[in-house]
Amino acid sequence: QVVIVDEVHERHLHCDLLLGVLRTLLKQRPDLRLILMSATINIKLFSEYFNSAPVLQVPGRLFPIQVIYKPIPPEEQASRSEKLDPRPYLRILQGIDQRYPPE
């Protein structure tokens, strides 16, 4: 009866899709509770998206984060991309096309 979604500020396709499904589901299930969590959320955006949902803020502090990427040498870049096998993804897309043909 409770769905918790953490780090909702990280706007990924799967998270946005989930939020859209939950928004529809909340209209059909008044007993369902949704908790969205994030340290850096755009409160107004998400509250308005869910029909002016109430907001509970817990005071805290942000800690500085430094992201450091290990550079890939140019001679390895092509060889790494060649290791990606697109066939599983193409099979999924073909299955979707077969099940839902263009109108």
PDB file of N, CA and C in Angstrom:
ATOM      1  N   GLN A   1       0.807  -1.197   0.000  1.00  0.00           N
ATOM      2  CA  GLN A   1       0.000   0.000   0.000  1.00  0.00           C
ATOM      3  C   GLN A   1       0.846   1.255   0.000  1.00  0.00           C
ATOM      4  N   VAL A   2       2.162   1.100   0.108  1.00  0.00           N
ATOM      5  CA  VAL A   2       3.067   2.249   0.083  1.00  0.00           C
ATOM      6  C   VAL A   2       4.147   1.988  -0.957  1.00  0.00           C
ATOM      7  N   VAL A   3       4.379   2.983  -1.804  1.00  0.00           N
ATOM      8  CA  VAL A   3       5.462   2.912  -2.785  1.00  0.00           C
ATOM      9  C   VAL A   3       6.436   4.031  -2.449  1.00  0.00           C
ATOM     10  N   ILE A   4       7.708   3.687  -2.299  1.00  0.00           N
ATOM     11  CA  ILE A   4       8.745   4.671  -2.007  1.00  0.00           C
ATOM     12  C   ILE A   4       9.682   4.738  -3.200  1.00  0.00           C
ATOM     13  N   VAL A   5       9.870   5.943  -3.716  1.00  0.00           N
ATOM     14  CA  VAL A   5      10.795   6.161  -4.830  1.00  0.00           C
ATOM     15  C   VAL A   5      11.866   7.125  -4.331  1.00  0.00           C
ATOM     16  N   ASP A   6      13.097   6.671  -4.286  1.00  0.00           N
ATOM     17  CA  ASP A   6      14.204   7.490  -3.798  1.00  0.00           C
ATOM     18  C   ASP A   6      14.966   8.075  -4.980  1.00  0.00           C
ATOM     19  N   GLU A   7      15.622   9.191  -4.735  1.00  0.00           N
ATOM     20  CA  GLU A   7      16.440   9.881  -5.742  1.00  0.00           C
ATOM     21  C   GLU A   7      15.622  10.257  -6.977  1.00  0.00           C
ATOM     22  N   VAL A   8      14.418  10.767  -6.773  1.00  0.00           N
ATOM     23  CA  VAL A   8      13.554  11.094  -7.914  1.00  0.00           C
ATOM     24  C   VAL A   8      14.086  12.261  -8.738  1.00  0.00           C
ATOM     25  N   HIS A   9      15.018  13.023  -8.191  1.00  0.00           N
ATOM     26  CA  HIS A   9      15.580  14.136  -8.963  1.00  0.00           C
ATOM     27  C   HIS A   9      16.438  13.636 -10.127  1.00  0.00           C
ATOM     28  N   GLU A  10      16.865  12.394 -10.077  1.00  0.00           N
ATOM     29  CA  GLU A  10      17.651  11.823 -11.175  1.00  0.00           C
ATOM     30  C   GLU A  10      16.690  11.407 -12.276  1.00  0.00           C
ATOM     31  N   ARG A  11      16.399  12.312 -13.161  1.00  0.00           N
ATOM     32  CA  ARG A  11      15.350  12.140 -14.157  1.00  0.00           C
ATOM     33  C   ARG A  11      15.782  11.167 -15.241  1.00  0.00           C
ATOM     34  N   HIS A  12      15.534   9.890 -15.000  1.00  0.00           N
ATOM     35  CA  HIS A  12      15.797   8.845 -15.982  1.00  0.00           C
ATOM     36  C   HIS A  12      14.479   8.419 -16.607  1.00  0.00           C
ATOM     37  N   LEU A  13      14.550   7.858 -17.778  1.00  0.00           N
ATOM     38  CA  LEU A  13      13.350   7.429 -18.486  1.00  0.00           C
ATOM     39  C   LEU A  13      12.526   6.460 -17.648  1.00  0.00           C
ATOM     40  N   HIS A  14      13.183   5.451 -17.060  1.00  0.00           N
ATOM     41  CA  HIS A  14      12.429   4.457 -16.293  1.00  0.00           C
ATOM     42  C   HIS A  14      11.774   5.064 -15.059  1.00  0.00           C
ATOM     43  N   CYS A  15      12.426   6.031 -14.436  1.00  0.00           N
ATOM     44  CA  CYS A  15      11.845   6.685 -13.257  1.00  0.00           C
ATOM     45  C   CYS A  15      10.666   7.566 -13.668  1.00  0.00           C
ATOM     46  N   ASP A  16      10.821   8.322 -14.744  1.00  0.00           N
ATOM     47  CA  ASP A  16       9.723   9.166 -15.224  1.00  0.00           C
ATOM     48  C   ASP A  16       8.526   8.319 -15.643  1.00  0.00           C
ATOM     49  N   LEU A  17       8.787   7.194 -16.275  1.00  0.00           N
ATOM     50  CA  LEU A  17       7.706   6.287 -16.665  1.00  0.00           C
ATOM     51  C   LEU A  17       7.000   5.743 -15.422  1.00  0.00           C
ATOM     52  N   LEU A  18       7.774   5.349 -14.427  1.00  0.00           N
ATOM     53  CA  LEU A  18       7.196   4.858 -13.176  1.00  0.00           C
ATOM     54  C   LEU A  18       6.322   5.920 -12.523  1.00  0.00           C
ATOM     55  N   LEU A  19       6.791   7.162 -12.478  1.00  0.00           N
ATOM     56  CA  LEU A  19       6.008   8.231 -11.862  1.00  0.00           C
ATOM     57  C   LEU A  19       4.713   8.474 -12.626  1.00  0.00           C
ATOM     58  N   GLY A  20       4.754   8.367 -13.946  1.00  0.00           N
ATOM     59  CA  GLY A  20       3.534   8.513 -14.736  1.00  0.00           C
ATOM     60  C   GLY A  20       2.533   7.417 -14.442  1.00  0.00           C
ATOM     61  N   VAL A  21       3.016   6.188 -14.318  1.00  0.00           N
ATOM     62  CA  VAL A  21       2.136   5.059 -13.991  1.00  0.00           C
ATOM     63  C   VAL A  21       1.562   5.238 -12.586  1.00  0.00           C
ATOM     64  N   LEU A  22       2.401   5.652 -11.646  1.00  0.00           N
ATOM     65  CA  LEU A  22       1.930   5.848 -10.274  1.00  0.00           C
ATOM     66  C   LEU A  22       0.899   6.967 -10.193  1.00  0.00           C
ATOM     67  N   ARG A  23       1.098   8.015 -10.967  1.00  0.00           N
ATOM     68  CA  ARG A  23       0.127   9.121 -10.977  1.00  0.00           C
ATOM     69  C   ARG A  23      -1.247   8.611 -11.414  1.00  0.00           C
ATOM     70  N   THR A  24      -1.280   7.792 -12.445  1.00  0.00           N
ATOM     71  CA  THR A  24      -2.544   7.210 -12.910  1.00  0.00           C
ATOM     72  C   THR A  24      -3.111   6.251 -11.871  1.00  0.00           C
ATOM     73  N   LEU A  25      -2.251   5.456 -11.284  1.00  0.00           N
ATOM     74  CA  LEU A  25      -2.685   4.471 -10.302  1.00  0.00           C
ATOM     75  C   LEU A  25      -3.259   5.127  -9.048  1.00  0.00           C
ATOM     76  N   LEU A  26      -2.697   6.252  -8.642  1.00  0.00           N
ATOM     77  CA  LEU A  26      -3.188   6.942  -7.447  1.00  0.00           C
ATOM     78  C   LEU A  26      -4.644   7.370  -7.601  1.00  0.00           C
ATOM     79  N   LYS A  27      -5.057   7.680  -8.818  1.00  0.00           N
ATOM     80  CA  LYS A  27      -6.449   8.073  -9.057  1.00  0.00           C
ATOM     81  C   LYS A  27      -7.388   6.883  -8.861  1.00  0.00           C
ATOM     82  N   GLN A  28      -6.900   5.699  -9.147  1.00  0.00           N
ATOM     83  CA  GLN A  28      -7.716   4.490  -9.041  1.00  0.00           C
ATOM     84  C   GLN A  28      -7.613   3.830  -7.668  1.00  0.00           C
ATOM     85  N   ARG A  29      -6.553   4.141  -6.939  1.00  0.00           N
ATOM     86  CA  ARG A  29      -6.314   3.500  -5.641  1.00  0.00           C
ATOM     87  C   ARG A  29      -6.127   4.549  -4.553  1.00  0.00           C
ATOM     88  N   PRO A  30      -7.207   5.060  -3.973  1.00  0.00           N
ATOM     89  CA  PRO A  30      -7.070   6.084  -2.933  1.00  0.00           C
ATOM     90  C   PRO A  30      -6.353   5.573  -1.680  1.00  0.00           C
ATOM     91  N   ASP A  31      -6.271   4.259  -1.509  1.00  0.00           N
ATOM     92  CA  ASP A  31      -5.575   3.695  -0.351  1.00  0.00           C
ATOM     93  C   ASP A  31      -4.060   3.662  -0.537  1.00  0.00           C
ATOM     94  N   LEU A  32      -3.591   3.870  -1.755  1.00  0.00           N
ATOM     95  CA  LEU A  32      -2.162   3.810  -2.057  1.00  0.00           C
ATOM     96  C   LEU A  32      -1.473   5.088  -1.599  1.00  0.00           C
ATOM     97  N   ARG A  33      -0.326   4.940  -0.979  1.00  0.00           N
ATOM     98  CA  ARG A  33       0.478   6.080  -0.540  1.00  0.00           C
ATOM     99  C   ARG A  33       1.785   6.074  -1.321  1.00  0.00           C
ATOM    100  N   LEU A  34       2.190   7.263  -1.753  1.00  0.00           N
ATOM    101  CA  LEU A  34       3.415   7.415  -2.531  1.00  0.00           C
ATOM    102  C   LEU A  34       4.353   8.339  -1.780  1.00  0.00           C
ATOM    103  N   ILE A  35       5.581   7.901  -1.600  1.00  0.00           N
ATOM    104  CA  ILE A  35       6.603   8.715  -0.950  1.00  0.00           C
ATOM    105  C   ILE A  35       7.730   8.916  -1.948  1.00  0.00           C
ATOM    106  N   LEU A  36       7.983  10.182  -2.280  1.00  0.00           N
ATOM    107  CA  LEU A  36       9.090  10.532  -3.174  1.00  0.00           C
ATOM    108  C   LEU A  36      10.190  11.131  -2.316  1.00  0.00           C
ATOM    109  N   MET A  37      11.405  10.657  -2.503  1.00  0.00           N
ATOM    110  CA  MET A  37      12.507  11.136  -1.673  1.00  0.00           C
ATOM    111  C   MET A  37      13.662  11.617  -2.542  1.00  0.00           C
ATOM    112  N   SER A  38      14.283  12.694  -2.061  1.00  0.00           N
ATOM    113  CA  SER A  38      15.459  13.229  -2.730  1.00  0.00           C
ATOM    114  C   SER A  38      16.045  14.330  -1.864  1.00  0.00           C
ATOM    115  N   ALA A  39      17.350  14.446  -1.882  1.00  0.00           N
ATOM    116  CA  ALA A  39      17.994  15.531  -1.148  1.00  0.00           C
ATOM    117  C   ALA A  39      17.969  16.826  -1.946  1.00  0.00           C
ATOM    118  N   THR A  40      17.787  16.729  -3.258  1.00  0.00           N
ATOM    119  CA  THR A  40      17.859  17.925  -4.108  1.00  0.00           C
ATOM    120  C   THR A  40      16.654  18.030  -5.023  1.00  0.00           C
ATOM    121  N   ILE A  41      15.502  17.636  -4.564  1.00  0.00           N
ATOM    122  CA  ILE A  41      14.295  17.591  -5.396  1.00  0.00           C
ATOM    123  C   ILE A  41      13.760  18.999  -5.685  1.00  0.00           C
ATOM    124  N   ASN A  42      13.160  19.144  -6.846  1.00  0.00           N
ATOM    125  CA  ASN A  42      12.409  20.354  -7.174  1.00  0.00           C
ATOM    126  C   ASN A  42      11.007  20.147  -6.585  1.00  0.00           C
ATOM    127  N   ILE A  43      10.809  20.630  -5.383  1.00  0.00           N
ATOM    128  CA  ILE A  43       9.587  20.343  -4.623  1.00  0.00           C
ATOM    129  C   ILE A  43       8.340  20.774  -5.375  1.00  0.00           C
ATOM    130  N   LYS A  44       8.352  21.973  -5.904  1.00  0.00           N
ATOM    131  CA  LYS A  44       7.161  22.501  -6.582  1.00  0.00           C
ATOM    132  C   LYS A  44       6.791  21.637  -7.788  1.00  0.00           C
ATOM    133  N   LEU A  45       7.770  21.245  -8.575  1.00  0.00           N
ATOM    134  CA  LEU A  45       7.530  20.438  -9.771  1.00  0.00           C
ATOM    135  C   LEU A  45       6.819  19.131  -9.422  1.00  0.00           C
ATOM    136  N   PHE A  46       7.345  18.414  -8.451  1.00  0.00           N
ATOM    137  CA  PHE A  46       6.781  17.110  -8.118  1.00  0.00           C
ATOM    138  C   PHE A  46       5.466  17.224  -7.360  1.00  0.00           C
ATOM    139  N   SER A  47       5.354  18.199  -6.486  1.00  0.00           N
ATOM    140  CA  SER A  47       4.100  18.370  -5.749  1.00  0.00           C
ATOM    141  C   SER A  47       2.962  18.720  -6.700  1.00  0.00           C
ATOM    142  N   GLU A  48       3.214  19.623  -7.633  1.00  0.00           N
ATOM    143  CA  GLU A  48       2.170  19.998  -8.598  1.00  0.00           C
ATOM    144  C   GLU A  48       1.833  18.837  -9.527  1.00  0.00           C
ATOM    145  N   TYR A  49       2.823  18.051  -9.917  1.00  0.00           N
ATOM    146  CA  TYR A  49       2.574  16.911 -10.798  1.00  0.00           C
ATOM    147  C   TYR A  49       1.623  15.913 -10.139  1.00  0.00           C
ATOM    148  N   PHE A  50       1.716  15.805  -8.826  1.00  0.00           N
ATOM    149  CA  PHE A  50       0.839  14.895  -8.090  1.00  0.00           C
ATOM    150  C   PHE A  50      -0.283  15.663  -7.390  1.00  0.00           C
ATOM    151  N   ASN A  51      -0.897  16.591  -8.117  1.00  0.00           N
ATOM    152  CA  ASN A  51      -2.092  17.318  -7.661  1.00  0.00           C
ATOM    153  C   ASN A  51      -1.892  18.013  -6.318  1.00  0.00           C
ATOM    154  N   SER A  52      -0.847  18.822  -6.229  1.00  0.00           N
ATOM    155  CA  SER A  52      -0.526  19.583  -5.013  1.00  0.00           C
ATOM    156  C   SER A  52      -0.386  18.679  -3.791  1.00  0.00           C
ATOM    157  N   ALA A  53       0.354  17.620  -3.959  1.00  0.00           N
ATOM    158  CA  ALA A  53       0.574  16.664  -2.864  1.00  0.00           C
ATOM    159  C   ALA A  53       1.270  17.351  -1.696  1.00  0.00           C
ATOM    160  N   PRO A  54       0.953  16.934  -0.478  1.00  0.00           N
ATOM    161  CA  PRO A  54       1.624  17.533   0.683  1.00  0.00           C
ATOM    162  C   PRO A  54       3.114  17.210   0.683  1.00  0.00           C
ATOM    163  N   VAL A  55       3.882  18.117   1.260  1.00  0.00           N
ATOM    164  CA  VAL A  55       5.338  17.987   1.278  1.00  0.00           C
ATOM    165  C   VAL A  55       5.817  17.954   2.727  1.00  0.00           C
ATOM    166  N   LEU A  56       6.670  17.023   3.024  1.00  0.00           N
ATOM    167  CA  LEU A  56       7.302  16.934   4.331  1.00  0.00           C
ATOM    168  C   LEU A  56       8.795  17.104   4.113  1.00  0.00           C
ATOM    169  N   GLN A  57       9.359  18.127   4.738  1.00  0.00           N
ATOM    170  CA  GLN A  57      10.788  18.375   4.582  1.00  0.00           C
ATOM    171  C   GLN A  57      11.509  18.002   5.869  1.00  0.00           C
ATOM    172  N   VAL A  58      12.571  17.256   5.723  1.00  0.00           N
ATOM    173  CA  VAL A  58      13.403  16.875   6.857  1.00  0.00           C
ATOM    174  C   VAL A  58      14.697  17.661   6.735  1.00  0.00           C
ATOM    175  N   PRO A  59      15.014  18.489   7.736  1.00  0.00           N
ATOM    176  CA  PRO A  59      16.234  19.289   7.620  1.00  0.00           C
ATOM    177  C   PRO A  59      17.476  18.398   7.582  1.00  0.00           C
ATOM    178  N   GLY A  60      18.424  18.858   6.856  1.00  0.00           N
ATOM    179  CA  GLY A  60      19.677  18.120   6.725  1.00  0.00           C
ATOM    180  C   GLY A  60      20.692  19.008   6.044  1.00  0.00           C
ATOM    181  N   ARG A  61      21.780  18.449   5.682  1.00  0.00           N
ATOM    182  CA  ARG A  61      22.796  19.234   4.989  1.00  0.00           C
ATOM    183  C   ARG A  61      23.332  18.436   3.815  1.00  0.00           C
ATOM    184  N   LEU A  62      23.803  19.154   2.832  1.00  0.00           N
ATOM    185  CA  LEU A  62      24.384  18.530   1.651  1.00  0.00           C
ATOM    186  C   LEU A  62      25.887  18.387   1.848  1.00  0.00           C
ATOM    187  N   PHE A  63      26.395  17.303   1.379  1.00  0.00           N
ATOM    188  CA  PHE A  63      27.826  17.084   1.446  1.00  0.00           C
ATOM    189  C   PHE A  63      28.402  17.220   0.044  1.00  0.00           C
ATOM    190  N   PRO A  64      29.554  17.883  -0.078  1.00  0.00           N
ATOM    191  CA  PRO A  64      30.136  18.050  -1.413  1.00  0.00           C
ATOM    192  C   PRO A  64      30.544  16.697  -2.001  1.00  0.00           C
ATOM    193  N   ILE A  65      30.247  16.544  -3.258  1.00  0.00           N
ATOM    194  CA  ILE A  65      30.583  15.311  -3.964  1.00  0.00           C
ATOM    195  C   ILE A  65      31.430  15.673  -5.171  1.00  0.00           C
ATOM    196  N   GLN A  66      32.492  14.949  -5.355  1.00  0.00           N
ATOM    197  CA  GLN A  66      33.335  15.167  -6.518  1.00  0.00           C
ATOM    198  C   GLN A  66      33.353  13.873  -7.326  1.00  0.00           C
ATOM    199  N   VAL A  67      32.958  13.967  -8.583  1.00  0.00           N
ATOM    200  CA  VAL A  67      32.951  12.807  -9.464  1.00  0.00           C
ATOM    201  C   VAL A  67      34.201  12.867 -10.329  1.00  0.00           C
ATOM    202  N   ILE A  68      34.962  11.803 -10.302  1.00  0.00           N
ATOM    203  CA  ILE A  68      36.185  11.735 -11.098  1.00  0.00           C
ATOM    204  C   ILE A  68      36.065  10.526 -12.019  1.00  0.00           C
ATOM    205  N   TYR A  69      36.180  10.763 -13.300  1.00  0.00           N
ATOM    206  CA  TYR A  69      36.099   9.689 -14.282  1.00  0.00           C
ATOM    207  C   TYR A  69      37.501   9.286 -14.710  1.00  0.00           C
ATOM    208  N   LYS A  70      37.698   8.002 -14.834  1.00  0.00           N
ATOM    209  CA  LYS A  70      38.975   7.502 -15.326  1.00  0.00           C
ATOM    210  C   LYS A  70      38.953   7.627 -16.843  1.00  0.00           C
ATOM    211  N   PRO A  71      39.869   8.403 -17.408  1.00  0.00           N
ATOM    212  CA  PRO A  71      39.863   8.564 -18.866  1.00  0.00           C
ATOM    213  C   PRO A  71      40.193   7.255 -19.576  1.00  0.00           C
ATOM    214  N   ILE A  72      39.533   7.042 -20.684  1.00  0.00           N
ATOM    215  CA  ILE A  72      39.799   5.863 -21.507  1.00  0.00           C
ATOM    216  C   ILE A  72      40.780   6.289 -22.595  1.00  0.00           C
ATOM    217  N   PRO A  73      41.908   5.624 -22.682  1.00  0.00           N
ATOM    218  CA  PRO A  73      42.874   5.983 -23.724  1.00  0.00           C
ATOM    219  C   PRO A  73      42.234   5.846 -25.108  1.00  0.00           C
ATOM    220  N   PRO A  74      42.561   6.747 -26.031  1.00  0.00           N
ATOM    221  CA  PRO A  74      41.941   6.721 -27.364  1.00  0.00           C
ATOM    222  C   PRO A  74      42.068   5.380 -28.074  1.00  0.00           C
ATOM    223  N   GLU A  75      43.174   4.685 -27.880  1.00  0.00           N
ATOM    224  CA  GLU A  75      43.350   3.406 -28.578  1.00  0.00           C
ATOM    225  C   GLU A  75      42.406   2.328 -28.044  1.00  0.00           C
ATOM    226  N   GLU A  76      41.865   2.497 -26.831  1.00  0.00           N
ATOM    227  CA  GLU A  76      40.929   1.524 -26.267  1.00  0.00           C
ATOM    228  C   GLU A  76      39.468   1.880 -26.525  1.00  0.00           C
ATOM    229  N   GLN A  77      39.192   3.113 -26.913  1.00  0.00           N
ATOM    230  CA  GLN A  77      37.806   3.553 -27.055  1.00  0.00           C
ATOM    231  C   GLN A  77      37.043   2.729 -28.084  1.00  0.00           C
ATOM    232  N   ALA A  78      37.624   2.509 -29.239  1.00  0.00           N
ATOM    233  CA  ALA A  78      36.934   1.747 -30.283  1.00  0.00           C
ATOM    234  C   ALA A  78      36.740   0.299 -29.849  1.00  0.00           C
ATOM    235  N   SER A  79      37.752  -0.284 -29.234  1.00  0.00           N
ATOM    236  CA  SER A  79      37.637  -1.692 -28.854  1.00  0.00           C
ATOM    237  C   SER A  79      36.568  -1.895 -27.779  1.00  0.00           C
ATOM    238  N   ARG A  80      36.376  -0.935 -26.901  1.00  0.00           N
ATOM    239  CA  ARG A  80      35.350  -1.074 -25.863  1.00  0.00           C
ATOM    240  C   ARG A  80      33.953  -0.973 -26.456  1.00  0.00           C
ATOM    241  N   SER A  81      33.778  -0.090 -27.418  1.00  0.00           N
ATOM    242  CA  SER A  81      32.447   0.043 -28.012  1.00  0.00           C
ATOM    243  C   SER A  81      32.103  -1.172 -28.867  1.00  0.00           C
ATOM    244  N   GLU A  82      33.108  -1.830 -29.409  1.00  0.00           N
ATOM    245  CA  GLU A  82      32.856  -3.031 -30.209  1.00  0.00           C
ATOM    246  C   GLU A  82      32.359  -4.188 -29.347  1.00  0.00           C
ATOM    247  N   LYS A  83      32.614  -4.143 -28.054  1.00  0.00           N
ATOM    248  CA  LYS A  83      32.177  -5.209 -27.157  1.00  0.00           C
ATOM    249  C   LYS A  83      30.682  -5.134 -26.860  1.00  0.00           C
ATOM    250  N   LEU A  84      30.053  -4.032 -27.144  1.00  0.00           N
ATOM    251  CA  LEU A  84      28.621  -3.882 -26.899  1.00  0.00           C
ATOM    252  C   LEU A  84      27.852  -4.646 -27.966  1.00  0.00           C
ATOM    253  N   ASP A  85      27.083  -5.606 -27.540  1.00  0.00           N
ATOM    254  CA  ASP A  85      26.308  -6.432 -28.464  1.00  0.00           C
ATOM    255  C   ASP A  85      24.886  -5.883 -28.541  1.00  0.00           C
ATOM    256  N   PRO A  86      24.491  -5.294 -29.667  1.00  0.00           N
ATOM    257  CA  PRO A  86      23.160  -4.696 -29.768  1.00  0.00           C
ATOM    258  C   PRO A  86      22.045  -5.701 -30.038  1.00  0.00           C
ATOM    259  N   ARG A  87      22.383  -6.960 -30.299  1.00  0.00           N
ATOM    260  CA  ARG A  87      21.354  -7.939 -30.690  1.00  0.00           C
ATOM    261  C   ARG A  87      20.234  -8.117 -29.664  1.00  0.00           C
ATOM    262  N   PRO A  88      20.517  -8.204 -28.354  1.00  0.00           N
ATOM    263  CA  PRO A  88      19.396  -8.357 -27.415  1.00  0.00           C
ATOM    264  C   PRO A  88      18.426  -7.177 -27.462  1.00  0.00           C
ATOM    265  N   TYR A  89      18.957  -5.977 -27.616  1.00  0.00           N
ATOM    266  CA  TYR A  89      18.105  -4.789 -27.668  1.00  0.00           C
ATOM    267  C   TYR A  89      17.282  -4.771 -28.955  1.00  0.00           C
ATOM    268  N   LEU A  90      17.907  -5.174 -30.042  1.00  0.00           N
ATOM    269  CA  LEU A  90      17.186  -5.206 -31.314  1.00  0.00           C
ATOM    270  C   LEU A  90      16.059  -6.237 -31.280  1.00  0.00           C
ATOM    271  N   ARG A  91      16.282  -7.378 -30.618  1.00  0.00           N
ATOM    272  CA  ARG A  91      15.219  -8.388 -30.502  1.00  0.00           C
ATOM    273  C   ARG A  91      14.034  -7.847 -29.707  1.00  0.00           C
ATOM    274  N   ILE A  92      14.320  -7.106 -28.662  1.00  0.00           N
ATOM    275  CA  ILE A  92      13.234  -6.508 -27.870  1.00  0.00           C
ATOM    276  C   ILE A  92      12.445  -5.526 -28.724  1.00  0.00           C
ATOM    277  N   LEU A  93      13.148  -4.672 -29.455  1.00  0.00           N
ATOM    278  CA  LEU A  93      12.461  -3.695 -30.304  1.00  0.00           C
ATOM    279  C   LEU A  93      11.660  -4.382 -31.400  1.00  0.00           C
ATOM    280  N   GLN A  94      12.193  -5.459 -31.968  1.00  0.00           N
ATOM    281  CA  GLN A  94      11.448  -6.202 -32.990  1.00  0.00           C
ATOM    282  C   GLN A  94      10.187  -6.821 -32.398  1.00  0.00           C
ATOM    283  N   GLY A  95      10.293  -7.342 -31.189  1.00  0.00           N
ATOM    284  CA  GLY A  95       9.124  -7.910 -30.524  1.00  0.00           C
ATOM    285  C   GLY A  95       8.055  -6.871 -30.269  1.00  0.00           C
ATOM    286  N   ILE A  96       8.479  -5.677 -29.885  1.00  0.00           N
ATOM    287  CA  ILE A  96       7.519  -4.588 -29.665  1.00  0.00           C
ATOM    288  C   ILE A  96       6.857  -4.210 -30.979  1.00  0.00           C
ATOM    289  N   ASP A  97       7.649  -4.123 -32.043  1.00  0.00           N
ATOM    290  CA  ASP A  97       7.088  -3.786 -33.358  1.00  0.00           C
ATOM    291  C   ASP A  97       6.078  -4.830 -33.818  1.00  0.00           C
ATOM    292  N   GLN A  98       6.353  -6.096 -33.560  1.00  0.00           N
ATOM    293  CA  GLN A  98       5.426  -7.150 -33.979  1.00  0.00           C
ATOM    294  C   GLN A  98       4.141  -7.120 -33.164  1.00  0.00           C
ATOM    295  N   ARG A  99       4.278  -6.839 -31.892  1.00  0.00           N
ATOM    296  CA  ARG A  99       3.089  -6.837 -31.029  1.00  0.00           C
ATOM    297  C   ARG A  99       2.241  -5.589 -31.232  1.00  0.00           C
ATOM    298  N   TYR A 100       2.880  -4.471 -31.496  1.00  0.00           N
ATOM    299  CA  TYR A 100       2.175  -3.202 -31.685  1.00  0.00           C
ATOM    300  C   TYR A 100       2.555  -2.610 -33.042  1.00  0.00           C
ATOM    301  N   PRO A 101       2.002  -3.149 -34.125  1.00  0.00           N
ATOM    302  CA  PRO A 101       2.361  -2.631 -35.453  1.00  0.00           C
ATOM    303  C   PRO A 101       1.869  -1.191 -35.625  1.00  0.00           C
ATOM    304  N   PRO A 102       2.548  -0.421 -36.470  1.00  0.00           N
ATOM    305  CA  PRO A 102       2.111   0.961 -36.715  1.00  0.00           C
ATOM    306  C   PRO A 102       0.703   0.980 -37.308  1.00  0.00           C
ATOM    307  N   GLU A 103      -0.047   1.969 -36.915  1.00  0.00           N
ATOM    308  CA  GLU A 103      -1.437   2.062 -37.403  1.00  0.00           C
ATOM    309  C   GLU A 103      -1.509   2.736 -38.746  1.00  0.00           C
TER     310      GLU A 103
END
